[in-house]
Amino acid sequence: MIREPQGGALGGTWWNVFIVPRAKGAPREDSHVIFQSPTITGQRLVWKQAHLLEVHYDVAHVVQFRNLWGSYELGDSKISEKPNYYVEVRLVPSSPDFSLLTMDGNPRSQ
């Protein structure tokens, strides 16, 4: 998970999640992002199993999310013994109810 400034002086900060091989840098192309949010608190990534990544958070405004990633996206088939290595991604809010909104449908104050 990386935090990136967006939009210059008037812009804000965006949180992006990419899956990459160990010790490799994150790609810069938005086409490789699996999770993107301009607002997130309590964020952490948890590998539950080798092929299962969870994005934990308290509050998040998720603008982009995919729940499946494959190693073919990197153009490198030598990541594992298998020709394609897949990862399922899950969103895990800390509240069982609302995260970004209150129960009456109003935005939660930060």
Foldseek 3Di string as FASTA:
>chain_A
DDWDFPDPPPTAIKDFDADDAPPDDDDPDPVRTAWMFRDFAPWDWDDPDPQEIETETQATDTPHHDQKDKPVVVVDQVSDPDSIRMHGYYYHHPDPDDRQADPVGHGDDD
